[in-house]
N, C-alpha and C. Protein backbone atom coordinates (compact mmCIF):
# COMPACT_ATOMS: atom_id res chain seq x y z
N MET A 1 15.81 -93.96 16.91
CA MET A 1 17.11 -94.08 16.30
C MET A 1 18.15 -94.26 17.40
N LYS A 2 19.01 -95.22 17.23
CA LYS A 2 20.07 -95.47 18.20
C LYS A 2 21.39 -94.94 17.65
N ALA A 3 22.10 -94.26 18.51
CA ALA A 3 23.41 -93.73 18.11
C ALA A 3 24.50 -94.68 18.58
N LEU A 4 25.43 -94.93 17.72
CA LEU A 4 26.58 -95.74 18.09
C LEU A 4 27.75 -94.81 18.39
N ILE A 5 28.36 -95.04 19.51
CA ILE A 5 29.52 -94.25 19.88
C ILE A 5 30.72 -95.18 19.89
N HIS A 6 31.67 -94.87 19.07
CA HIS A 6 32.88 -95.68 19.00
C HIS A 6 33.91 -95.09 19.96
N LEU A 7 34.42 -95.93 20.82
CA LEU A 7 35.40 -95.49 21.81
C LEU A 7 36.76 -96.07 21.46
N ASP A 8 37.77 -95.27 21.68
CA ASP A 8 39.12 -95.81 21.53
C ASP A 8 39.45 -96.64 22.77
N GLN A 9 40.61 -97.24 22.80
CA GLN A 9 41.00 -98.13 23.91
C GLN A 9 40.94 -97.40 25.25
N ASN A 10 41.42 -96.17 25.29
CA ASN A 10 41.40 -95.39 26.53
C ASN A 10 39.96 -95.12 26.98
N GLY A 11 39.11 -94.78 26.03
CA GLY A 11 37.70 -94.53 26.35
C GLY A 11 37.01 -95.76 26.90
N LYS A 12 37.34 -96.92 26.33
CA LYS A 12 36.77 -98.17 26.82
C LYS A 12 37.21 -98.44 28.25
N LYS A 13 38.47 -98.20 28.54
CA LYS A 13 38.98 -98.43 29.90
C LYS A 13 38.29 -97.50 30.89
N VAL A 14 38.08 -96.25 30.50
CA VAL A 14 37.40 -95.28 31.37
C VAL A 14 35.98 -95.75 31.64
N MET A 15 35.27 -96.18 30.59
CA MET A 15 33.89 -96.64 30.76
C MET A 15 33.82 -97.90 31.62
N GLU A 16 34.74 -98.83 31.40
CA GLU A 16 34.77 -100.05 32.21
C GLU A 16 35.00 -99.72 33.68
N ARG A 17 35.88 -98.77 33.93
CA ARG A 17 36.16 -98.35 35.31
C ARG A 17 34.93 -97.72 35.95
N ARG A 18 34.24 -96.88 35.19
CA ARG A 18 33.03 -96.23 35.73
C ARG A 18 31.94 -97.26 36.03
N VAL A 19 31.78 -98.21 35.12
CA VAL A 19 30.78 -99.26 35.35
C VAL A 19 31.17 -100.09 36.57
N HIS A 20 32.43 -100.46 36.66
CA HIS A 20 32.90 -101.24 37.82
C HIS A 20 32.65 -100.47 39.11
N ASP A 21 32.99 -99.19 39.14
CA ASP A 21 32.79 -98.37 40.34
C ASP A 21 31.30 -98.30 40.71
N ALA A 22 30.44 -98.16 39.69
CA ALA A 22 29.00 -98.08 39.96
C ALA A 22 28.49 -99.40 40.53
N VAL A 23 28.97 -100.51 39.98
CA VAL A 23 28.55 -101.83 40.47
C VAL A 23 29.02 -102.03 41.91
N MET A 24 30.26 -101.69 42.20
CA MET A 24 30.79 -101.86 43.54
C MET A 24 30.03 -100.99 44.55
N LYS A 25 29.69 -99.78 44.14
CA LYS A 25 28.91 -98.90 45.01
C LYS A 25 27.53 -99.51 45.31
N GLU A 26 26.90 -100.06 44.29
CA GLU A 26 25.59 -100.69 44.48
C GLU A 26 25.71 -101.93 45.36
N ARG A 27 26.76 -102.71 45.20
CA ARG A 27 26.97 -103.89 46.05
C ARG A 27 27.14 -103.48 47.51
N ALA A 28 27.87 -102.41 47.74
CA ALA A 28 28.05 -101.91 49.11
C ALA A 28 26.71 -101.48 49.70
N ASP A 29 25.88 -100.82 48.88
CA ASP A 29 24.56 -100.41 49.35
C ASP A 29 23.67 -101.61 49.66
N ILE A 30 23.75 -102.64 48.85
CA ILE A 30 22.97 -103.86 49.09
C ILE A 30 23.40 -104.49 50.42
N SER A 31 24.68 -104.52 50.67
CA SER A 31 25.20 -105.07 51.93
C SER A 31 24.69 -104.25 53.11
N THR A 32 24.71 -102.95 52.97
CA THR A 32 24.22 -102.08 54.06
C THR A 32 22.74 -102.31 54.30
N ARG A 33 21.97 -102.43 53.22
CA ARG A 33 20.53 -102.68 53.39
C ARG A 33 20.29 -104.03 54.07
N ALA A 34 21.08 -105.03 53.74
CA ALA A 34 20.95 -106.34 54.38
C ALA A 34 21.22 -106.22 55.87
N GLN A 35 22.20 -105.40 56.25
CA GLN A 35 22.47 -105.18 57.67
C GLN A 35 21.27 -104.52 58.35
N TYR A 36 20.64 -103.58 57.67
CA TYR A 36 19.43 -102.96 58.24
C TYR A 36 18.37 -104.01 58.50
N VAL A 37 18.17 -104.92 57.53
CA VAL A 37 17.12 -105.93 57.65
C VAL A 37 17.39 -106.85 58.83
N TRP A 38 18.62 -107.40 58.94
CA TRP A 38 18.85 -108.32 60.06
C TRP A 38 18.86 -107.60 61.39
N ALA A 39 19.35 -106.36 61.45
CA ALA A 39 19.36 -105.64 62.72
C ALA A 39 17.93 -105.36 63.18
N LEU A 40 17.08 -104.92 62.25
CA LEU A 40 15.68 -104.68 62.62
C LEU A 40 14.96 -105.98 62.96
N SER A 41 15.29 -107.06 62.26
CA SER A 41 14.69 -108.36 62.58
C SER A 41 15.04 -108.78 64.00
N MET A 42 16.28 -108.57 64.39
CA MET A 42 16.71 -108.92 65.74
C MET A 42 15.97 -108.08 66.78
N LEU A 43 15.82 -106.80 66.49
CA LEU A 43 15.07 -105.94 67.42
C LEU A 43 13.61 -106.36 67.50
N GLN A 44 13.01 -106.72 66.34
CA GLN A 44 11.61 -107.15 66.31
C GLN A 44 11.41 -108.44 67.11
N CYS A 45 12.45 -109.26 67.20
CA CYS A 45 12.37 -110.51 67.97
C CYS A 45 12.57 -110.27 69.47
N GLY A 46 12.83 -109.05 69.83
CA GLY A 46 12.97 -108.74 71.24
C GLY A 46 14.39 -108.71 71.77
N LEU A 47 15.37 -108.87 70.90
CA LEU A 47 16.76 -108.78 71.37
C LEU A 47 17.07 -107.33 71.74
N PRO A 48 17.80 -107.13 72.80
CA PRO A 48 18.10 -105.76 73.23
C PRO A 48 19.06 -105.06 72.24
N PRO A 49 18.92 -103.76 72.08
CA PRO A 49 19.78 -103.01 71.17
C PRO A 49 21.27 -103.25 71.42
N ARG A 50 21.65 -103.45 72.65
CA ARG A 50 23.05 -103.70 72.98
C ARG A 50 23.54 -104.98 72.31
N THR A 51 22.71 -106.02 72.32
CA THR A 51 23.06 -107.29 71.66
C THR A 51 23.16 -107.10 70.15
N VAL A 52 22.21 -106.37 69.59
CA VAL A 52 22.22 -106.09 68.16
C VAL A 52 23.51 -105.34 67.79
N GLN A 53 23.91 -104.41 68.63
CA GLN A 53 25.14 -103.67 68.37
C GLN A 53 26.36 -104.59 68.43
N ARG A 54 26.37 -105.52 69.37
CA ARG A 54 27.48 -106.47 69.46
C ARG A 54 27.59 -107.29 68.18
N VAL A 55 26.44 -107.72 67.67
CA VAL A 55 26.42 -108.47 66.42
C VAL A 55 26.95 -107.59 65.29
N SER A 56 26.49 -106.37 65.24
CA SER A 56 26.94 -105.43 64.20
C SER A 56 28.45 -105.21 64.28
N ASP A 57 28.96 -105.15 65.48
CA ASP A 57 30.40 -104.94 65.66
C ASP A 57 31.23 -106.11 65.13
N HIS A 58 30.64 -107.30 65.05
CA HIS A 58 31.36 -108.47 64.55
C HIS A 58 31.25 -108.63 63.03
N PHE A 59 30.47 -107.79 62.42
CA PHE A 59 30.19 -107.93 60.99
C PHE A 59 31.45 -107.94 60.13
N GLU A 60 32.34 -107.00 60.36
CA GLU A 60 33.54 -106.90 59.52
C GLU A 60 34.41 -108.15 59.62
N ALA A 61 34.53 -108.71 60.81
CA ALA A 61 35.33 -109.93 60.99
C ALA A 61 34.71 -111.10 60.22
N VAL A 62 33.40 -111.23 60.31
CA VAL A 62 32.71 -112.30 59.60
C VAL A 62 32.83 -112.08 58.09
N LEU A 63 32.67 -110.85 57.66
CA LEU A 63 32.81 -110.54 56.24
C LEU A 63 34.21 -110.88 55.74
N GLY A 64 35.22 -110.60 56.53
CA GLY A 64 36.59 -110.94 56.16
C GLY A 64 36.77 -112.43 55.96
N LYS A 65 36.20 -113.21 56.86
CA LYS A 65 36.29 -114.67 56.75
C LYS A 65 35.55 -115.15 55.50
N TYR A 66 34.39 -114.57 55.25
CA TYR A 66 33.63 -114.90 54.04
C TYR A 66 34.47 -114.62 52.79
N MET A 67 35.12 -113.48 52.75
CA MET A 67 35.92 -113.10 51.59
C MET A 67 37.09 -114.06 51.38
N GLU A 68 37.66 -114.56 52.46
CA GLU A 68 38.74 -115.56 52.34
C GLU A 68 38.25 -116.79 51.57
N TYR A 69 37.08 -117.29 51.95
CA TYR A 69 36.52 -118.46 51.31
C TYR A 69 35.99 -118.14 49.92
N GLN A 70 35.52 -116.92 49.73
CA GLN A 70 34.91 -116.55 48.47
C GLN A 70 35.94 -116.50 47.34
N THR A 71 37.22 -116.35 47.67
CA THR A 71 38.24 -116.35 46.62
C THR A 71 38.22 -117.68 45.86
N GLU A 72 37.76 -118.73 46.49
CA GLU A 72 37.61 -120.03 45.83
C GLU A 72 36.14 -120.33 45.56
N ASP A 73 35.30 -119.27 45.62
CA ASP A 73 33.86 -119.38 45.36
C ASP A 73 33.17 -120.31 46.36
N LEU A 74 33.65 -120.30 47.60
CA LEU A 74 33.07 -121.15 48.65
C LEU A 74 32.46 -120.35 49.80
N GLY A 75 32.40 -119.03 49.67
CA GLY A 75 31.93 -118.19 50.76
C GLY A 75 30.52 -118.49 51.22
N ASP A 76 29.60 -118.63 50.26
CA ASP A 76 28.21 -118.90 50.61
C ASP A 76 28.06 -120.25 51.29
N LEU A 77 28.74 -121.25 50.73
CA LEU A 77 28.68 -122.59 51.33
C LEU A 77 29.26 -122.58 52.74
N PHE A 78 30.37 -121.89 52.93
CA PHE A 78 30.99 -121.78 54.25
C PHE A 78 30.02 -121.17 55.26
N MET A 79 29.41 -120.05 54.90
CA MET A 79 28.52 -119.38 55.85
C MET A 79 27.27 -120.20 56.14
N ARG A 80 26.68 -120.77 55.09
CA ARG A 80 25.47 -121.56 55.29
C ARG A 80 25.77 -122.80 56.13
N THR A 81 26.93 -123.42 55.92
CA THR A 81 27.32 -124.59 56.71
C THR A 81 27.53 -124.20 58.17
N MET A 82 28.20 -123.09 58.41
CA MET A 82 28.41 -122.63 59.79
C MET A 82 27.08 -122.36 60.49
N LEU A 83 26.15 -121.73 59.77
CA LEU A 83 24.83 -121.46 60.34
C LEU A 83 24.09 -122.78 60.61
N HIS A 84 24.11 -123.68 59.65
CA HIS A 84 23.44 -124.97 59.80
C HIS A 84 24.00 -125.73 61.00
N ASP A 85 25.33 -125.77 61.10
CA ASP A 85 25.96 -126.48 62.21
C ASP A 85 25.64 -125.86 63.57
N SER A 86 25.26 -124.59 63.56
CA SER A 86 24.88 -123.89 64.80
C SER A 86 23.38 -124.00 65.08
N GLY A 87 22.65 -124.68 64.18
CA GLY A 87 21.22 -124.86 64.39
C GLY A 87 20.35 -123.81 63.72
N VAL A 88 20.93 -123.02 62.83
CA VAL A 88 20.17 -121.97 62.13
C VAL A 88 20.01 -122.40 60.68
N GLU A 89 18.77 -122.59 60.26
CA GLU A 89 18.50 -123.01 58.89
C GLU A 89 18.23 -121.78 58.03
N VAL A 90 18.95 -121.68 56.92
CA VAL A 90 18.76 -120.59 55.96
C VAL A 90 18.72 -121.21 54.56
N LYS A 91 18.15 -120.47 53.63
CA LYS A 91 18.07 -120.93 52.25
C LYS A 91 19.44 -120.88 51.59
N ALA A 92 19.63 -121.75 50.63
CA ALA A 92 20.83 -121.70 49.80
C ALA A 92 20.65 -120.57 48.79
N THR A 93 21.76 -120.00 48.35
CA THR A 93 21.69 -118.98 47.31
C THR A 93 21.34 -119.64 45.99
N SER A 94 20.90 -118.85 45.04
CA SER A 94 20.57 -119.39 43.72
C SER A 94 21.80 -120.02 43.08
N ARG A 95 22.96 -119.47 43.32
CA ARG A 95 24.21 -120.03 42.78
C ARG A 95 24.47 -121.41 43.38
N GLU A 96 24.22 -121.57 44.68
CA GLU A 96 24.42 -122.88 45.32
C GLU A 96 23.43 -123.90 44.78
N ARG A 97 22.17 -123.48 44.61
CA ARG A 97 21.16 -124.39 44.09
C ARG A 97 21.50 -124.83 42.68
N LYS A 98 22.01 -123.90 41.89
CA LYS A 98 22.41 -124.22 40.51
C LYS A 98 23.56 -125.21 40.52
N ARG A 99 24.52 -125.02 41.42
CA ARG A 99 25.68 -125.90 41.51
C ARG A 99 25.25 -127.31 41.89
N LYS A 100 24.26 -127.45 42.78
CA LYS A 100 23.78 -128.78 43.21
C LYS A 100 23.18 -129.55 42.04
N ARG A 101 22.50 -128.84 41.13
CA ARG A 101 21.84 -129.50 40.01
C ARG A 101 22.83 -130.07 39.00
N LYS A 102 24.02 -129.53 38.95
CA LYS A 102 25.02 -129.99 37.96
C LYS A 102 25.56 -131.34 38.29
């Protein structure tokens, strides 16, 4: 049996805020995990910890630039293009692949 809970306008706003906060928290955790993956990948390739730390120190600046472009939904394309132009090949995101098919 499923129970239906009817919320007034205030209750809906509270629930939307809680869901939004939970999603944002999870997104932050995903970002942190991604940093773990690339930092460990760099160490596994033999880069010295000092170099890995330098890269980590630049993360916020790069993220800021990404967010500037992302306001127009171009962040992924911007980053992938910058990587490609530097000689680093990475996969397109599923959103980019979907956009190409249209």
